[in-house]
Amino acid sequence: MKVGDLVKRINSKNRFEAGLVTDIIQKKCWRTDVFGNKIDWRQLEPEPHAVVLIGEKYMTIPMTDLELVS
């Protein structure tokens, strides 16, 4: 995945949203289903996130949650 790619993700209402990747950044992401509810940021390493323009909003989304649109 790179800047300029068209991507999709499933939103909270189980609908697909498509967007344009505008930047790639490194950021920590606490996953409660894996690590539990007690947050300890020292346990994590930054992972790649995409800054995605969806509609009129920029969203920072982990790359593992995105798919390329062919």
N, C-alpha and C. Protein backbone atom coordinates (compact mmCIF):
# COMPACT_ATOMS: atom_id res chain seq x y z
N MET A 1 0.85 -1.16 0.00
CA MET A 1 0.00 0.00 0.00
C MET A 1 0.90 1.24 0.00
N LYS A 2 0.49 2.24 -0.78
CA LYS A 2 1.28 3.45 -0.88
C LYS A 2 0.35 4.67 -1.06
N VAL A 3 0.93 5.86 -0.94
CA VAL A 3 0.17 7.09 -1.12
C VAL A 3 -0.43 7.10 -2.53
N GLY A 4 -1.69 7.45 -2.61
CA GLY A 4 -2.39 7.50 -3.89
C GLY A 4 -3.24 6.28 -4.16
N ASP A 5 -3.09 5.22 -3.37
CA ASP A 5 -3.89 4.01 -3.56
C ASP A 5 -5.33 4.22 -3.09
N LEU A 6 -6.25 3.57 -3.76
CA LEU A 6 -7.65 3.54 -3.35
C LEU A 6 -7.83 2.31 -2.47
N VAL A 7 -8.39 2.51 -1.27
CA VAL A 7 -8.55 1.42 -0.31
C VAL A 7 -9.98 1.37 0.19
N LYS A 8 -10.31 0.24 0.85
CA LYS A 8 -11.63 0.11 1.46
C LYS A 8 -11.47 -0.51 2.84
N ARG A 9 -12.45 -0.25 3.68
CA ARG A 9 -12.55 -0.85 5.01
C ARG A 9 -14.01 -1.02 5.35
N ILE A 10 -14.29 -1.86 6.34
CA ILE A 10 -15.65 -2.03 6.82
C ILE A 10 -15.84 -1.09 8.01
N ASN A 11 -16.86 -0.24 7.98
CA ASN A 11 -17.09 0.70 9.08
C ASN A 11 -17.87 0.02 10.20
N SER A 12 -18.19 0.77 11.23
CA SER A 12 -18.88 0.23 12.41
C SER A 12 -20.29 -0.27 12.11
N LYS A 13 -20.87 0.12 10.97
CA LYS A 13 -22.21 -0.33 10.59
C LYS A 13 -22.14 -1.47 9.57
N ASN A 14 -20.98 -2.13 9.47
CA ASN A 14 -20.75 -3.24 8.52
C ASN A 14 -20.97 -2.84 7.07
N ARG A 15 -20.65 -1.60 6.75
CA ARG A 15 -20.71 -1.12 5.36
C ARG A 15 -19.29 -0.83 4.90
N PHE A 16 -19.05 -1.03 3.61
CA PHE A 16 -17.75 -0.71 3.05
C PHE A 16 -17.62 0.78 2.83
N GLU A 17 -16.45 1.32 3.18
CA GLU A 17 -16.12 2.71 2.88
C GLU A 17 -14.86 2.70 2.04
N ALA A 18 -14.83 3.49 0.99
CA ALA A 18 -13.65 3.61 0.15
C ALA A 18 -13.01 4.96 0.39
N GLY A 19 -11.69 5.01 0.26
CA GLY A 19 -10.98 6.26 0.46
C GLY A 19 -9.64 6.25 -0.24
N LEU A 20 -8.99 7.40 -0.22
CA LEU A 20 -7.72 7.60 -0.89
C LEU A 20 -6.62 7.76 0.17
N VAL A 21 -5.55 6.97 0.05
CA VAL A 21 -4.42 7.06 0.98
C VAL A 21 -3.66 8.34 0.68
N THR A 22 -3.52 9.22 1.69
CA THR A 22 -2.81 10.48 1.51
C THR A 22 -1.46 10.51 2.22
N ASP A 23 -1.25 9.60 3.18
CA ASP A 23 0.02 9.57 3.91
C ASP A 23 0.14 8.23 4.62
N ILE A 24 1.38 7.83 4.91
CA ILE A 24 1.67 6.63 5.69
C ILE A 24 2.46 7.08 6.92
N ILE A 25 2.01 6.65 8.10
CA ILE A 25 2.68 7.03 9.35
C ILE A 25 2.87 5.79 10.22
N GLN A 26 3.67 5.93 11.26
CA GLN A 26 3.86 4.89 12.27
C GLN A 26 3.15 5.34 13.54
N LYS A 27 2.38 4.45 14.14
CA LYS A 27 1.58 4.82 15.31
C LYS A 27 1.31 3.56 16.13
N LYS A 28 1.18 3.71 17.43
CA LYS A 28 0.84 2.58 18.28
C LYS A 28 -0.67 2.38 18.29
N CYS A 29 -1.09 1.12 18.39
CA CYS A 29 -2.51 0.78 18.37
C CYS A 29 -2.76 -0.31 19.41
N TRP A 30 -3.53 0.00 20.43
CA TRP A 30 -3.86 -0.97 21.47
C TRP A 30 -5.10 -1.76 21.05
N ARG A 31 -4.95 -3.06 20.91
CA ARG A 31 -6.06 -3.93 20.51
C ARG A 31 -6.57 -4.67 21.74
N THR A 32 -7.74 -4.26 22.22
CA THR A 32 -8.29 -4.82 23.45
C THR A 32 -8.60 -6.30 23.32
N ASP A 33 -8.93 -6.77 22.12
CA ASP A 33 -9.24 -8.19 21.95
C ASP A 33 -7.98 -9.06 22.09
N VAL A 34 -6.80 -8.47 21.91
CA VAL A 34 -5.54 -9.20 22.04
C VAL A 34 -4.89 -8.96 23.40
N PHE A 35 -4.82 -7.67 23.81
CA PHE A 35 -4.07 -7.28 25.01
C PHE A 35 -4.94 -7.05 26.25
N GLY A 36 -6.24 -7.01 26.12
CA GLY A 36 -7.12 -6.74 27.25
C GLY A 36 -7.40 -5.26 27.42
N ASN A 37 -8.11 -4.92 28.49
CA ASN A 37 -8.54 -3.54 28.71
C ASN A 37 -7.52 -2.65 29.39
N LYS A 38 -6.57 -3.24 30.11
CA LYS A 38 -5.58 -2.43 30.81
C LYS A 38 -4.47 -2.03 29.85
N ILE A 39 -4.38 -0.74 29.56
CA ILE A 39 -3.45 -0.24 28.54
C ILE A 39 -2.07 -0.02 29.14
N ASP A 40 -1.05 -0.54 28.45
CA ASP A 40 0.35 -0.31 28.79
C ASP A 40 1.10 -0.04 27.49
N TRP A 41 1.26 1.24 27.13
CA TRP A 41 1.85 1.63 25.86
C TRP A 41 3.30 1.16 25.72
N ARG A 42 3.96 0.87 26.84
CA ARG A 42 5.36 0.41 26.77
C ARG A 42 5.48 -0.96 26.13
N GLN A 43 4.41 -1.75 26.11
CA GLN A 43 4.43 -3.09 25.51
C GLN A 43 4.42 -3.07 23.99
N LEU A 44 4.04 -1.95 23.40
CA LEU A 44 3.79 -1.90 21.97
C LEU A 44 4.91 -1.24 21.18
N GLU A 45 5.05 -1.69 19.96
CA GLU A 45 5.89 -1.04 18.96
C GLU A 45 4.96 -0.35 17.96
N PRO A 46 5.38 0.79 17.40
CA PRO A 46 4.55 1.44 16.39
C PRO A 46 4.34 0.53 15.18
N GLU A 47 3.17 0.65 14.56
CA GLU A 47 2.85 -0.13 13.37
C GLU A 47 2.39 0.84 12.28
N PRO A 48 2.45 0.42 11.02
CA PRO A 48 2.06 1.34 9.93
C PRO A 48 0.56 1.61 9.92
N HIS A 49 0.24 2.88 9.78
CA HIS A 49 -1.13 3.35 9.63
C HIS A 49 -1.20 4.18 8.35
N ALA A 50 -2.36 4.19 7.73
CA ALA A 50 -2.58 5.03 6.56
C ALA A 50 -3.49 6.19 6.96
N VAL A 51 -3.16 7.37 6.49
CA VAL A 51 -4.06 8.51 6.62
C VAL A 51 -4.92 8.47 5.35
N VAL A 52 -6.22 8.27 5.54
CA VAL A 52 -7.13 8.01 4.42
C VAL A 52 -8.19 9.11 4.36
N LEU A 53 -8.39 9.65 3.17
CA LEU A 53 -9.45 10.63 2.94
C LEU A 53 -10.71 9.87 2.54
N ILE A 54 -11.69 9.86 3.46
CA ILE A 54 -12.98 9.21 3.21
C ILE A 54 -14.04 10.31 3.24
N GLY A 55 -14.63 10.57 2.09
CA GLY A 55 -15.58 11.68 2.00
C GLY A 55 -14.83 12.99 2.19
N GLU A 56 -15.18 13.72 3.23
CA GLU A 56 -14.52 14.99 3.54
C GLU A 56 -13.66 14.90 4.79
N LYS A 57 -13.46 13.69 5.32
CA LYS A 57 -12.72 13.52 6.57
C LYS A 57 -11.45 12.72 6.35
N TYR A 58 -10.39 13.10 7.07
CA TYR A 58 -9.16 12.33 7.10
C TYR A 58 -9.22 11.40 8.31
N MET A 59 -8.93 10.12 8.10
CA MET A 59 -8.95 9.14 9.18
C MET A 59 -7.62 8.41 9.21
N THR A 60 -7.12 8.12 10.40
CA THR A 60 -5.91 7.33 10.56
C THR A 60 -6.33 5.90 10.87
N ILE A 61 -5.99 4.96 9.98
CA ILE A 61 -6.47 3.59 10.07
C ILE A 61 -5.29 2.63 9.97
N PRO A 62 -5.21 1.63 10.87
CA PRO A 62 -4.14 0.63 10.74
C PRO A 62 -4.19 -0.04 9.37
N MET A 63 -3.04 -0.25 8.78
CA MET A 63 -3.00 -0.86 7.46
C MET A 63 -3.57 -2.28 7.45
N THR A 64 -3.53 -2.95 8.58
CA THR A 64 -4.07 -4.30 8.66
C THR A 64 -5.59 -4.31 8.50
N ASP A 65 -6.24 -3.16 8.70
CA ASP A 65 -7.69 -3.05 8.58
C ASP A 65 -8.14 -2.56 7.21
N LEU A 66 -7.21 -2.41 6.26
CA LEU A 66 -7.53 -1.89 4.94
C LEU A 66 -7.26 -2.92 3.86
N GLU A 67 -7.99 -2.79 2.75
CA GLU A 67 -7.77 -3.61 1.55
C GLU A 67 -7.63 -2.70 0.35
N LEU A 68 -6.74 -3.05 -0.57
CA LEU A 68 -6.62 -2.30 -1.83
C LEU A 68 -7.85 -2.56 -2.69
N VAL A 69 -8.31 -1.53 -3.38
CA VAL A 69 -9.40 -1.67 -4.34
C VAL A 69 -8.77 -1.85 -5.70
N SER A 70 -9.14 -2.92 -6.40
CA SER A 70 -8.55 -3.20 -7.73
C SER A 70 -9.31 -2.48 -8.80
